[in-house]
Amino acid sequence: DEVARDYTYAEAAAKLRIAETTLRRWVSKGRIPCHRLGRKVRFT
């Protein structure tokens, strides 16, 4: 049950209850950490 999960932009935005564009802005400004896998961005 404790397996780490990675979230996409859409999943992370839904979990945070914010708009996906807001999450993308936060990532670009460095407000929230993320993990980049090539062009993909994932959140733990």
PDB file of all heavy atoms in Angstrom:
ATOM      1  N   ASP A   1       0.809  -1.211   0.000  1.00  0.00           N
ATOM      2  CA  ASP A   1       0.000   0.000   0.000  1.00  0.00           C
ATOM      3  C   ASP A   1       0.845   1.265   0.000  1.00  0.00           C
ATOM      4  O   ASP A   1       0.354   2.336  -0.309  1.00  0.00           O
ATOM      5  CB  ASP A   1      -0.923   0.027   1.225  1.00  0.00           C
ATOM      6  CG  ASP A   1      -1.951  -1.092   1.171  1.00  0.00           C
ATOM      7  OD1 ASP A   1      -2.214  -1.579   0.057  1.00  0.00           O
ATOM      8  OD2 ASP A   1      -2.470  -1.467   2.226  1.00  0.00           O
ATOM      9  N   GLU A   2       2.117   1.154   0.355  1.00  0.00           N
ATOM     10  CA  GLU A   2       2.977   2.320   0.486  1.00  0.00           C
ATOM     11  C   GLU A   2       3.864   2.541  -0.743  1.00  0.00           C
ATOM     12  O   GLU A   2       4.905   3.159  -0.640  1.00  0.00           O
ATOM     13  CB  GLU A   2       3.845   2.183   1.728  1.00  0.00           C
ATOM     14  CG  GLU A   2       3.051   2.149   3.023  1.00  0.00           C
ATOM     15  CD  GLU A   2       3.945   1.992   4.232  1.00  0.00           C
ATOM     16  OE1 GLU A   2       5.173   2.156   4.087  1.00  0.00           O
ATOM     17  OE2 GLU A   2       3.427   1.711   5.304  1.00  0.00           O
ATOM     18  N   VAL A   3       3.464   2.058  -1.875  1.00  0.00           N
ATOM     19  CA  VAL A   3       4.245   2.219  -3.089  1.00  0.00           C
ATOM     20  C   VAL A   3       4.182   3.682  -3.526  1.00  0.00           C
ATOM     21  O   VAL A   3       3.116   4.295  -3.551  1.00  0.00           O
ATOM     22  CB  VAL A   3       3.712   1.298  -4.211  1.00  0.00           C
ATOM     23  CG1 VAL A   3       4.449   1.555  -5.509  1.00  0.00           C
ATOM     24  CG2 VAL A   3       3.831  -0.145  -3.793  1.00  0.00           C
ATOM     25  N   ALA A   4       5.335   4.245  -3.850  1.00  0.00           N
ATOM     26  CA  ALA A   4       5.381   5.642  -4.282  1.00  0.00           C
ATOM     27  C   ALA A   4       4.621   5.790  -5.589  1.00  0.00           C
ATOM     28  O   ALA A   4       4.700   4.942  -6.476  1.00  0.00           O
ATOM     29  CB  ALA A   4       6.822   6.082  -4.449  1.00  0.00           C
ATOM     30  N   ARG A   5       3.896   6.874  -5.724  1.00  0.00           N
ATOM     31  CA  ARG A   5       3.086   7.115  -6.916  1.00  0.00           C
ATOM     32  C   ARG A   5       3.541   8.389  -7.583  1.00  0.00           C
ATOM     33  O   ARG A   5       3.859   9.371  -6.909  1.00  0.00           O
ATOM     34  CB  ARG A   5       1.613   7.238  -6.500  1.00  0.00           C
ATOM     35  CG  ARG A   5       0.719   7.675  -7.623  1.00  0.00           C
ATOM     36  CD  ARG A   5      -0.408   6.684  -7.840  1.00  0.00           C
ATOM     37  NE  ARG A   5      -1.006   6.878  -9.150  1.00  0.00           N
ATOM     38  CZ  ARG A   5      -1.954   7.760  -9.420  1.00  0.00           C
ATOM     39  NH1 ARG A   5      -2.439   8.525  -8.482  1.00  0.00           N
ATOM     40  NH2 ARG A   5      -2.453   7.870 -10.628  1.00  0.00           N
ATOM     41  N   ASP A   6       3.598   8.384  -8.870  1.00  0.00           N
ATOM     42  CA  ASP A   6       3.922   9.578  -9.643  1.00  0.00           C
ATOM     43  C   ASP A   6       2.647  10.108 -10.271  1.00  0.00           C
ATOM     44  O   ASP A   6       1.810   9.339 -10.737  1.00  0.00           O
ATOM     45  CB  ASP A   6       4.929   9.257 -10.751  1.00  0.00           C
ATOM     46  CG  ASP A   6       6.303   8.932 -10.201  1.00  0.00           C
ATOM     47  OD1 ASP A   6       6.590   9.337  -9.063  1.00  0.00           O
ATOM     48  OD2 ASP A   6       7.080   8.280 -10.910  1.00  0.00           O
ATOM     49  N   TYR A   7       2.500  11.429 -10.282  1.00  0.00           N
ATOM     50  CA  TYR A   7       1.312  12.076 -10.818  1.00  0.00           C
ATOM     51  C   TYR A   7       1.680  12.921 -12.034  1.00  0.00           C
ATOM     52  O   TYR A   7       2.722  13.555 -12.062  1.00  0.00           O
ATOM     53  CB  TYR A   7       0.677  12.992  -9.761  1.00  0.00           C
ATOM     54  CG  TYR A   7       0.242  12.272  -8.516  1.00  0.00           C
ATOM     55  CD1 TYR A   7       1.059  12.225  -7.397  1.00  0.00           C
ATOM     56  CD2 TYR A   7      -0.991  11.639  -8.448  1.00  0.00           C
ATOM     57  CE1 TYR A   7       0.659  11.568  -6.238  1.00  0.00           C
ATOM     58  CE2 TYR A   7      -1.403  10.985  -7.297  1.00  0.00           C
ATOM     59  CZ  TYR A   7      -0.562  10.943  -6.201  1.00  0.00           C
ATOM     60  OH  TYR A   7      -0.964  10.295  -5.060  1.00  0.00           O
ATOM     61  N   THR A   8       0.796  12.962 -13.015  1.00  0.00           N
ATOM     62  CA  THR A   8       0.956  13.845 -14.167  1.00  0.00           C
ATOM     63  C   THR A   8       0.473  15.233 -13.763  1.00  0.00           C
ATOM     64  O   THR A   8      -0.030  15.442 -12.663  1.00  0.00           O
ATOM     65  CB  THR A   8       0.122  13.343 -15.354  1.00  0.00           C
ATOM     66  OG1 THR A   8      -1.259  13.384 -14.975  1.00  0.00           O
ATOM     67  CG2 THR A   8       0.525  11.938 -15.773  1.00  0.00           C
ATOM     68  N   TYR A   9       0.629  16.206 -14.692  1.00  0.00           N
ATOM     69  CA  TYR A   9       0.121  17.551 -14.407  1.00  0.00           C
ATOM     70  C   TYR A   9      -1.369  17.517 -14.061  1.00  0.00           C
ATOM     71  O   TYR A   9      -1.793  18.115 -13.076  1.00  0.00           O
ATOM     72  CB  TYR A   9       0.314  18.466 -15.625  1.00  0.00           C
ATOM     73  CG  TYR A   9       1.633  19.199 -15.648  1.00  0.00           C
ATOM     74  CD1 TYR A   9       2.568  18.957 -16.642  1.00  0.00           C
ATOM     75  CD2 TYR A   9       1.935  20.176 -14.694  1.00  0.00           C
ATOM     76  CE1 TYR A   9       3.765  19.647 -16.681  1.00  0.00           C
ATOM     77  CE2 TYR A   9       3.123  20.862 -14.727  1.00  0.00           C
ATOM     78  CZ  TYR A   9       4.045  20.603 -15.721  1.00  0.00           C
ATOM     79  OH  TYR A   9       5.227  21.285 -15.753  1.00  0.00           O
ATOM     80  N   ALA A  10      -2.156  16.821 -14.858  1.00  0.00           N
ATOM     81  CA  ALA A  10      -3.604  16.794 -14.643  1.00  0.00           C
ATOM     82  C   ALA A  10      -3.960  16.137 -13.309  1.00  0.00           C
ATOM     83  O   ALA A  10      -4.799  16.641 -12.566  1.00  0.00           O
ATOM     84  CB  ALA A  10      -4.282  16.065 -15.799  1.00  0.00           C
ATOM     85  N   GLU A  11      -3.308  15.018 -12.998  1.00  0.00           N
ATOM     86  CA  GLU A  11      -3.593  14.317 -11.742  1.00  0.00           C
ATOM     87  C   GLU A  11      -3.166  15.142 -10.532  1.00  0.00           C
ATOM     88  O   GLU A  11      -3.884  15.227  -9.535  1.00  0.00           O
ATOM     89  CB  GLU A  11      -2.872  12.969 -11.716  1.00  0.00           C
ATOM     90  CG  GLU A  11      -3.387  11.990 -12.745  1.00  0.00           C
ATOM     91  CD  GLU A  11      -2.494  10.773 -12.896  1.00  0.00           C
ATOM     92  OE1 GLU A  11      -1.285  10.849 -12.591  1.00  0.00           O
ATOM     93  OE2 GLU A  11      -3.024   9.735 -13.337  1.00  0.00           O
ATOM     94  N   ALA A  12      -1.984  15.764 -10.625  1.00  0.00           N
ATOM     95  CA  ALA A  12      -1.476  16.573  -9.510  1.00  0.00           C
ATOM     96  C   ALA A  12      -2.350  17.801  -9.291  1.00  0.00           C
ATOM     97  O   ALA A  12      -2.658  18.164  -8.154  1.00  0.00           O
ATOM     98  CB  ALA A  12      -0.037  16.983  -9.770  1.00  0.00           C
ATOM     99  N   ALA A  13      -2.783  18.447 -10.374  1.00  0.00           N
ATOM    100  CA  ALA A  13      -3.640  19.625 -10.255  1.00  0.00           C
ATOM    101  C   ALA A  13      -4.976  19.246  -9.611  1.00  0.00           C
ATOM    102  O   ALA A  13      -5.491  19.972  -8.754  1.00  0.00           O
ATOM    103  CB  ALA A  13      -3.868  20.263 -11.620  1.00  0.00           C
ATOM    104  N   ALA A  14      -5.517  18.111  -9.987  1.00  0.00           N
ATOM    105  CA  ALA A  14      -6.774  17.662  -9.392  1.00  0.00           C
ATOM    106  C   ALA A  14      -6.593  17.356  -7.907  1.00  0.00           C
ATOM    107  O   ALA A  14      -7.453  17.689  -7.087  1.00  0.00           O
ATOM    108  CB  ALA A  14      -7.289  16.420 -10.124  1.00  0.00           C
ATOM    109  N   LYS A  15      -5.480  16.746  -7.556  1.00  0.00           N
ATOM    110  CA  LYS A  15      -5.220  16.421  -6.151  1.00  0.00           C
ATOM    111  C   LYS A  15      -5.034  17.688  -5.319  1.00  0.00           C
ATOM    112  O   LYS A  15      -5.461  17.746  -4.171  1.00  0.00           O
ATOM    113  CB  LYS A  15      -3.987  15.528  -6.048  1.00  0.00           C
ATOM    114  CG  LYS A  15      -3.743  14.986  -4.673  1.00  0.00           C
ATOM    115  CD  LYS A  15      -2.711  13.884  -4.689  1.00  0.00           C
ATOM    116  CE  LYS A  15      -2.378  13.453  -3.286  1.00  0.00           C
ATOM    117  NZ  LYS A  15      -2.912  12.179  -2.936  1.00  0.00           N
ATOM    118  N   LEU A  16      -4.396  18.709  -5.903  1.00  0.00           N
ATOM    119  CA  LEU A  16      -4.191  19.981  -5.202  1.00  0.00           C
ATOM    120  C   LEU A  16      -5.410  20.894  -5.277  1.00  0.00           C
ATOM    121  O   LEU A  16      -5.439  21.938  -4.637  1.00  0.00           O
ATOM    122  CB  LEU A  16      -2.972  20.708  -5.778  1.00  0.00           C
ATOM    123  CG  LEU A  16      -1.620  20.056  -5.532  1.00  0.00           C
ATOM    124  CD1 LEU A  16      -0.536  20.784  -6.322  1.00  0.00           C
ATOM    125  CD2 LEU A  16      -1.291  20.039  -4.056  1.00  0.00           C
ATOM    126  N   ARG A  17      -6.369  20.527  -6.137  1.00  0.00           N
ATOM    127  CA  ARG A  17      -7.583  21.324  -6.364  1.00  0.00           C
ATOM    128  C   ARG A  17      -7.250  22.714  -6.909  1.00  0.00           C
ATOM    129  O   ARG A  17      -7.757  23.734  -6.437  1.00  0.00           O
ATOM    130  CB  ARG A  17      -8.411  21.433  -5.097  1.00  0.00           C
ATOM    131  CG  ARG A  17      -8.940  20.116  -4.621  1.00  0.00           C
ATOM    132  CD  ARG A  17      -9.784  20.284  -3.410  1.00  0.00           C
ATOM    133  NE  ARG A  17     -10.252  18.980  -2.953  1.00  0.00           N
ATOM    134  CZ  ARG A  17     -10.824  18.787  -1.803  1.00  0.00           C
ATOM    135  NH1 ARG A  17     -11.016  19.783  -0.977  1.00  0.00           N
ATOM    136  NH2 ARG A  17     -11.212  17.591  -1.465  1.00  0.00           N
ATOM    137  N   ILE A  18      -6.365  22.727  -7.908  1.00  0.00           N
ATOM    138  CA  ILE A  18      -6.009  23.967  -8.593  1.00  0.00           C
ATOM    139  C   ILE A  18      -6.076  23.701 -10.093  1.00  0.00           C
ATOM    140  O   ILE A  18      -6.150  22.554 -10.534  1.00  0.00           O
ATOM    141  CB  ILE A  18      -4.589  24.461  -8.215  1.00  0.00           C
ATOM    142  CG1 ILE A  18      -3.536  23.412  -8.571  1.00  0.00           C
ATOM    143  CG2 ILE A  18      -4.524  24.831  -6.737  1.00  0.00           C
ATOM    144  CD1 ILE A  18      -2.110  23.882  -8.383  1.00  0.00           C
ATOM    145  N   ALA A  19      -6.029  24.757 -10.877  1.00  0.00           N
ATOM    146  CA  ALA A  19      -6.042  24.610 -12.328  1.00  0.00           C
ATOM    147  C   ALA A  19      -4.685  24.084 -12.802  1.00  0.00           C
ATOM    148  O   ALA A  19      -3.639  24.359 -12.199  1.00  0.00           O
ATOM    149  CB  ALA A  19      -6.334  25.948 -12.999  1.00  0.00           C
ATOM    150  N   GLU A  20      -4.703  23.333 -13.872  1.00  0.00           N
ATOM    151  CA  GLU A  20      -3.468  22.791 -14.424  1.00  0.00           C
ATOM    152  C   GLU A  20      -2.520  23.910 -14.852  1.00  0.00           C
ATOM    153  O   GLU A  20      -1.299  23.796 -14.686  1.00  0.00           O
ATOM    154  CB  GLU A  20      -3.782  21.868 -15.601  1.00  0.00           C
ATOM    155  CG  GLU A  20      -2.593  21.087 -16.091  1.00  0.00           C
ATOM    156  CD  GLU A  20      -2.962  20.089 -17.175  1.00  0.00           C
ATOM    157  OE1 GLU A  20      -4.118  19.642 -17.218  1.00  0.00           O
ATOM    158  OE2 GLU A  20      -2.073  19.778 -17.980  1.00  0.00           O
ATOM    159  N   THR A  21      -3.064  24.999 -15.379  1.00  0.00           N
ATOM    160  CA  THR A  21      -2.211  26.123 -15.779  1.00  0.00           C
ATOM    161  C   THR A  21      -1.518  26.754 -14.576  1.00  0.00           C
ATOM    162  O   THR A  21      -0.368  27.190 -14.678  1.00  0.00           O
ATOM    163  CB  THR A  21      -3.019  27.190 -16.537  1.00  0.00           C
ATOM    164  OG1 THR A  21      -4.133  27.575 -15.749  1.00  0.00           O
ATOM    165  CG2 THR A  21      -3.496  26.654 -17.877  1.00  0.00           C
ATOM    166  N   THR A  22      -2.202  26.783 -13.436  1.00  0.00           N
ATOM    167  CA  THR A  22      -1.584  27.299 -12.217  1.00  0.00           C
ATOM    168  C   THR A  22      -0.415  26.416 -11.804  1.00  0.00           C
ATOM    169  O   THR A  22       0.664  26.906 -11.452  1.00  0.00           O
ATOM    170  CB  THR A  22      -2.615  27.372 -11.073  1.00  0.00           C
ATOM    171  OG1 THR A  22      -3.681  28.222 -11.480  1.00  0.00           O
ATOM    172  CG2 THR A  22      -1.995  27.885  -9.795  1.00  0.00           C
ATOM    173  N   LEU A  23      -0.602  25.101 -11.860  1.00  0.00           N
ATOM    174  CA  LEU A  23       0.464  24.172 -11.511  1.00  0.00           C
ATOM    175  C   LEU A  23       1.654  24.344 -12.450  1.00  0.00           C
ATOM    176  O   LEU A  23       2.804  24.350 -12.008  1.00  0.00           O
ATOM    177  CB  LEU A  23      -0.055  22.737 -11.544  1.00  0.00           C
ATOM    178  CG  LEU A  23       0.941  21.657 -11.161  1.00  0.00           C
ATOM    179  CD1 LEU A  23       1.474  21.869  -9.752  1.00  0.00           C
ATOM    180  CD2 LEU A  23       0.307  20.281 -11.290  1.00  0.00           C
ATOM    181  N   ARG A  24       1.391  24.500 -13.742  1.00  0.00           N
ATOM    182  CA  ARG A  24       2.486  24.712 -14.698  1.00  0.00           C
ATOM    183  C   ARG A  24       3.246  26.007 -14.393  1.00  0.00           C
ATOM    184  O   ARG A  24       4.470  26.052 -14.486  1.00  0.00           O
ATOM    185  CB  ARG A  24       1.942  24.742 -16.121  1.00  0.00           C
ATOM    186  CG  ARG A  24       1.483  23.387 -16.612  1.00  0.00           C
ATOM    187  CD  ARG A  24       0.940  23.461 -18.032  1.00  0.00           C
ATOM    188  NE  ARG A  24       0.405  22.189 -18.445  1.00  0.00           N
ATOM    189  CZ  ARG A  24       1.127  21.197 -18.979  1.00  0.00           C
ATOM    190  NH1 ARG A  24       2.411  21.357 -19.154  1.00  0.00           N
ATOM    191  NH2 ARG A  24       0.549  20.068 -19.324  1.00  0.00           N
ATOM    192  N   ARG A  25       2.526  27.040 -13.985  1.00  0.00           N
ATOM    193  CA  ARG A  25       3.164  28.309 -13.630  1.00  0.00           C
ATOM    194  C   ARG A  25       4.020  28.141 -12.373  1.00  0.00           C
ATOM    195  O   ARG A  25       5.145  28.631 -12.301  1.00  0.00           O
ATOM    196  CB  ARG A  25       2.111  29.397 -13.436  1.00  0.00           C
ATOM    197  CG  ARG A  25       2.695  30.781 -13.239  1.00  0.00           C
ATOM    198  CD  ARG A  25       1.647  31.884 -13.255  1.00  0.00           C
ATOM    199  NE  ARG A  25       0.547  31.648 -12.321  1.00  0.00           N
ATOM    200  CZ  ARG A  25      -0.708  31.369 -12.673  1.00  0.00           C
ATOM    201  NH1 ARG A  25      -1.047  31.295 -13.948  1.00  0.00           N
ATOM    202  NH2 ARG A  25      -1.635  31.176 -11.757  1.00  0.00           N
ATOM    203  N   TRP A  26       3.501  27.414 -11.378  1.00  0.00           N
ATOM    204  CA  TRP A  26       4.253  27.172 -10.152  1.00  0.00           C
ATOM    205  C   TRP A  26       5.547  26.415 -10.442  1.00  0.00           C
ATOM    206  O   TRP A  26       6.588  26.709  -9.864  1.00  0.00           O
ATOM    207  CB  TRP A  26       3.419  26.386  -9.151  1.00  0.00           C
ATOM    208  CG  TRP A  26       2.322  27.164  -8.491  1.00  0.00           C
ATOM    209  CD1 TRP A  26       1.984  28.469  -8.713  1.00  0.00           C
ATOM    210  CD2 TRP A  26       1.408  26.689  -7.512  1.00  0.00           C
ATOM    211  NE1 TRP A  26       0.914  28.816  -7.938  1.00  0.00           N
ATOM    212  CE2 TRP A  26       0.540  27.753  -7.180  1.00  0.00           C
ATOM    213  CE3 TRP A  26       1.234  25.459  -6.886  1.00  0.00           C
ATOM    214  CZ2 TRP A  26      -0.475  27.630  -6.239  1.00  0.00           C
ATOM    215  CZ3 TRP A  26       0.213  25.332  -5.950  1.00  0.00           C
ATOM    216  CH2 TRP A  26      -0.621  26.406  -5.628  1.00  0.00           C
ATOM    217  N   VAL A  27       5.499  25.440 -11.355  1.00  0.00           N
ATOM    218  CA  VAL A  27       6.693  24.674 -11.719  1.00  0.00           C
ATOM    219  C   VAL A  27       7.704  25.589 -12.403  1.00  0.00           C
ATOM    220  O   VAL A  27       8.900  25.571 -12.078  1.00  0.00           O
ATOM    221  CB  VAL A  27       6.330  23.477 -12.623  1.00  0.00           C
ATOM    222  CG1 VAL A  27       7.578  22.868 -13.247  1.00  0.00           C
ATOM    223  CG2 VAL A  27       5.565  22.426 -11.832  1.00  0.00           C
ATOM    224  N   SER A  28       7.248  26.424 -13.318  1.00  0.00           N
ATOM    225  CA  SER A  28       8.175  27.301 -14.036  1.00  0.00           C
ATOM    226  C   SER A  28       8.828  28.327 -13.119  1.00  0.00           C
ATOM    227  O   SER A  28       9.957  28.736 -13.340  1.00  0.00           O
ATOM    228  CB  SER A  28       7.467  28.003 -15.196  1.00  0.00           C
ATOM    229  OG  SER A  28       6.534  28.949 -14.706  1.00  0.00           O
ATOM    230  N   LYS A  29       8.124  28.718 -12.053  1.00  0.00           N
ATOM    231  CA  LYS A  29       8.674  29.684 -11.098  1.00  0.00           C
ATOM    232  C   LYS A  29       9.432  29.006  -9.960  1.00  0.00           C
ATOM    233  O   LYS A  29       9.994  29.678  -9.110  1.00  0.00           O
ATOM    234  CB  LYS A  29       7.559  30.561 -10.530  1.00  0.00           C
ATOM    235  CG  LYS A  29       6.935  31.462 -11.577  1.00  0.00           C
ATOM    236  CD  LYS A  29       6.047  32.508 -10.940  1.00  0.00           C
ATOM    237  CE  LYS A  29       5.439  33.397 -11.987  1.00  0.00           C
ATOM    238  NZ  LYS A  29       6.317  34.439 -12.434  1.00  0.00           N
ATOM    239  N   GLY A  30       9.435  27.680  -9.928  1.00  0.00           N
ATOM    240  CA  GLY A  30      10.159  26.946  -8.903  1.00  0.00           C
ATOM    241  C   GLY A  30       9.447  26.864  -7.570  1.00  0.00           C
ATOM    242  O   GLY A  30      10.062  26.549  -6.561  1.00  0.00           O
ATOM    243  N   ARG A  31       8.167  27.133  -7.548  1.00  0.00           N
ATOM    244  CA  ARG A  31       7.404  27.102  -6.294  1.00  0.00           C
ATOM    245  C   ARG A  31       7.137  25.686  -5.809  1.00  0.00           C
ATOM    246  O   ARG A  31       6.993  25.451  -4.619  1.00  0.00           O
ATOM    247  CB  ARG A  31       6.089  27.850  -6.472  1.00  0.00           C
ATOM    248  CG  ARG A  31       5.260  27.865  -5.228  1.00  0.00           C
ATOM    249  CD  ARG A  31       4.037  28.702  -5.352  1.00  0.00           C
ATOM    250  NE  ARG A  31       3.200  28.502  -4.176  1.00  0.00           N
ATOM    251  CZ  ARG A  31       1.995  29.011  -4.039  1.00  0.00           C
ATOM    252  NH1 ARG A  31       1.495  29.762  -4.985  1.00  0.00           N
ATOM    253  NH2 ARG A  31       1.297  28.773  -2.967  1.00  0.00           N
ATOM    254  N   ILE A  32       7.077  24.742  -6.735  1.00  0.00           N
ATOM    255  CA  ILE A  32       6.807  23.350  -6.387  1.00  0.00           C
ATOM    256  C   ILE A  32       7.838  22.469  -7.089  1.00  0.00           C
ATOM    257  O   ILE A  32       8.122  22.674  -8.267  1.00  0.00           O
ATOM    258  CB  ILE A  32       5.355  22.956  -6.775  1.00  0.00           C
ATOM    259  CG1 ILE A  32       5.026  21.544  -6.331  1.00  0.00           C
ATOM    260  CG2 ILE A  32       5.114  23.117  -8.252  1.00  0.00           C
ATOM    261  CD1 ILE A  32       3.559  21.191  -6.467  1.00  0.00           C
ATOM    262  N   PRO A  33       8.432  21.515  -6.377  1.00  0.00           N
ATOM    263  CA  PRO A  33       9.412  20.629  -7.019  1.00  0.00           C
ATOM    264  C   PRO A  33       8.730  19.618  -7.937  1.00  0.00           C
ATOM    265  O   PRO A  33       7.549  19.320  -7.775  1.00  0.00           O
ATOM    266  CB  PRO A  33      10.086  19.936  -5.841  1.00  0.00           C
ATOM    267  CG  PRO A  33       9.114  20.017  -4.724  1.00  0.00           C
ATOM    268  CD  PRO A  33       8.295  21.262  -4.949  1.00  0.00           C
ATOM    269  N   CYS A  34       9.484  19.114  -8.881  1.00  0.00           N
ATOM    270  CA  CYS A  34       8.973  18.104  -9.803  1.00  0.00           C
ATOM    271  C   CYS A  34      10.137  17.256 -10.290  1.00  0.00           C
ATOM    272  O   CYS A  34      11.298  17.569 -10.032  1.00  0.00           O
ATOM    273  CB  CYS A  34       8.234  18.745 -10.969  1.00  0.00           C
ATOM    274  SG  CYS A  34       9.292  19.730 -12.028  1.00  0.00           S
ATOM    275  N   HIS A  35       9.824  16.212 -11.000  1.00  0.00           N
ATOM    276  CA  HIS A  35      10.829  15.322 -11.580  1.00  0.00           C
ATOM    277  C   HIS A  35      10.607  15.303 -13.083  1.00  0.00           C
ATOM    278  O   HIS A  35       9.509  15.027 -13.549  1.00  0.00           O
ATOM    279  CB  HIS A  35      10.689  13.908 -11.003  1.00  0.00           C
ATOM    280  CG  HIS A  35      10.859  13.877  -9.521  1.00  0.00           C
ATOM    281  ND1 HIS A  35      12.081  13.872  -8.904  1.00  0.00           N
ATOM    282  CD2 HIS A  35       9.939  13.908  -8.522  1.00  0.00           C
ATOM    283  CE1 HIS A  35      11.914  13.876  -7.597  1.00  0.00           C
ATOM    284  NE2 HIS A  35      10.611  13.909  -7.347  1.00  0.00           N
ATOM    285  N   ARG A  36      11.657  15.615 -13.816  1.00  0.00           N
ATOM    286  CA  ARG A  36      11.562  15.654 -15.272  1.00  0.00           C
ATOM    287  C   ARG A  36      12.179  14.384 -15.858  1.00  0.00           C
ATOM    288  O   ARG A  36      13.301  14.019 -15.516  1.00  0.00           O
ATOM    289  CB  ARG A  36      12.274  16.886 -15.812  1.00  0.00           C
ATOM    290  CG  ARG A  36      11.627  18.166 -15.349  1.00  0.00           C
ATOM    291  CD  ARG A  36      12.335  19.387 -15.920  1.00  0.00           C
ATOM    292  NE  ARG A  36      11.850  20.605 -15.290  1.00  0.00           N
ATOM    293  CZ  ARG A  36      10.807  21.295 -15.694  1.00  0.00           C
ATOM    294  NH1 ARG A  36      10.116  20.887 -16.731  1.00  0.00           N
ATOM    295  NH2 ARG A  36      10.434  22.390 -15.063  1.00  0.00           N
ATOM    296  N   LEU A  37      11.419  13.757 -16.720  1.00  0.00           N
ATOM    297  CA  LEU A  37      11.856  12.549 -17.421  1.00  0.00           C
ATOM    298  C   LEU A  37      11.792  12.842 -18.909  1.00  0.00           C
ATOM    299  O   LEU A  37      10.772  12.601 -19.547  1.00  0.00           O
ATOM    300  CB  LEU A  37      10.944  11.368 -17.078  1.00  0.00           C
ATOM    301  CG  LEU A  37      10.773  11.057 -15.582  1.00  0.00           C
ATOM    302  CD1 LEU A  37       9.639  10.092 -15.367  1.00  0.00           C
ATOM    303  CD2 LEU A  37      12.062  10.515 -15.037  1.00  0.00           C
ATOM    304  N   GLY A  38      12.856  13.425 -19.436  1.00  0.00           N
ATOM    305  CA  GLY A  38      12.821  13.891 -20.817  1.00  0.00           C
ATOM    306  C   GLY A  38      11.875  15.075 -20.890  1.00  0.00           C
ATOM    307  O   GLY A  38      12.049  16.063 -20.193  1.00  0.00           O
ATOM    308  N   ARG A  39      10.847  14.970 -21.710  1.00  0.00           N
ATOM    309  CA  ARG A  39       9.845  16.039 -21.815  1.00  0.00           C
ATOM    310  C   ARG A  39       8.709  15.874 -20.812  1.00  0.00           C
ATOM    311  O   ARG A  39       7.886  16.766 -20.655  1.00  0.00           O
ATOM    312  CB  ARG A  39       9.269  16.071 -23.232  1.00  0.00           C
ATOM    313  CG  ARG A  39      10.297  16.480 -24.271  1.00  0.00           C
ATOM    314  CD  ARG A  39       9.695  16.544 -25.637  1.00  0.00           C
ATOM    315  NE  ARG A  39       8.658  17.582 -25.657  1.00  0.00           N
ATOM    316  CZ  ARG A  39       7.808  17.768 -26.650  1.00  0.00           C
ATOM    317  NH1 ARG A  39       7.863  16.975 -27.696  1.00  0.00           N
ATOM    318  NH2 ARG A  39       6.921  18.718 -26.597  1.00  0.00           N
ATOM    319  N   LYS A  40       8.674  14.724 -20.165  1.00  0.00           N
ATOM    320  CA  LYS A  40       7.597  14.445 -19.211  1.00  0.00           C
ATOM    321  C   LYS A  40       7.935  15.040 -17.845  1.00  0.00           C
ATOM    322  O   LYS A  40       9.093  15.075 -17.429  1.00  0.00           O
ATOM    323  CB  LYS A  40       7.393  12.944 -19.056  1.00  0.00           C
ATOM    324  CG  LYS A  40       6.945  12.277 -20.328  1.00  0.00           C
ATOM    325  CD  LYS A  40       6.787  10.793 -20.123  1.00  0.00           C
ATOM    326  CE  LYS A  40       6.393  10.129 -21.420  1.00  0.00           C
ATOM    327  NZ  LYS A  40       6.273   8.680 -21.275  1.00  0.00           N
ATOM    328  N   VAL A  41       6.919  15.495 -17.153  1.00  0.00           N
ATOM    329  CA  VAL A  41       7.070  16.024 -15.795  1.00  0.00           C
ATOM    330  C   VAL A  41       6.172  15.211 -14.886  1.00  0.00           C
ATOM    331  O   VAL A  41       4.998  14.981 -15.197  1.00  0.00           O
ATOM    332  CB  VAL A  41       6.683  17.522 -15.735  1.00  0.00           C
ATOM    333  CG1 VAL A  41       6.766  18.041 -14.311  1.00  0.00           C
ATOM    334  CG2 VAL A  41       7.577  18.339 -16.649  1.00  0.00           C
ATOM    335  N   ARG A  42       6.727  14.754 -13.769  1.00  0.00           N
ATOM    336  CA  ARG A  42       5.966  13.949 -12.819  1.00  0.00           C
ATOM    337  C   ARG A  42       6.148  14.529 -11.422  1.00  0.00           C
ATOM    338  O   ARG A  42       7.144  15.153 -11.104  1.00  0.00           O
ATOM    339  CB  ARG A  42       6.424  12.492 -12.830  1.00  0.00           C
ATOM    340  CG  ARG A  42       6.195  11.795 -14.156  1.00  0.00           C
ATOM    341  CD  ARG A  42       4.712  11.602 -14.412  1.00  0.00           C
ATOM    342  NE  ARG A  42       4.452  10.888 -15.629  1.00  0.00           N
ATOM    343  CZ  ARG A  42       4.096  11.456 -16.760  1.00  0.00           C
ATOM    344  NH1 ARG A  42       3.985  12.757 -16.844  1.00  0.00           N
ATOM    345  NH2 ARG A  42       3.846  10.736 -17.834  1.00  0.00           N
ATOM    346  N   PHE A  43       5.150  14.282 -10.578  1.00  0.00           N
ATOM    347  CA  PHE A  43       5.148  14.766  -9.209  1.00  0.00           C
ATOM    348  C   PHE A  43       4.958  13.590  -8.260  1.00  0.00           C
ATOM    349  O   PHE A  43       4.192  12.681  -8.552  1.00  0.00           O
ATOM    350  CB  PHE A  43       3.989  15.758  -8.989  1.00  0.00           C
ATOM    351  CG  PHE A  43       4.026  16.931  -9.914  1.00  0.00           C
ATOM    352  CD1 PHE A  43       3.382  16.889 -11.135  1.00  0.00           C
ATOM    353  CD2 PHE A  43       4.708  18.079  -9.560  1.00  0.00           C
ATOM    354  CE1 PHE A  43       3.410  17.970 -11.994  1.00  0.00           C
ATOM    355  CE2 PHE A  43       4.748  19.164 -10.409  1.00  0.00           C
ATOM    356  CZ  PHE A  43       4.104  19.117 -11.636  1.00  0.00           C
ATOM    357  N   THR A  44       5.641  13.615  -7.127  1.00  0.00           N
ATOM    358  CA  THR A  44       5.449  12.604  -6.091  1.00  0.00           C
ATOM    359  C   THR A  44       4.575  13.211  -4.996  1.00  0.00           C
ATOM    360  O   THR A  44       4.299  14.413  -5.002  1.00  0.00           O
ATOM    361  CB  THR A  44       6.790  12.159  -5.487  1.00  0.00           C
ATOM    362  OG1 THR A  44       7.413  13.294  -4.873  1.00  0.00           O
ATOM    363  CG2 THR A  44       7.714  11.555  -6.538  1.00  0.00           C
TER     364      THR A  44
END
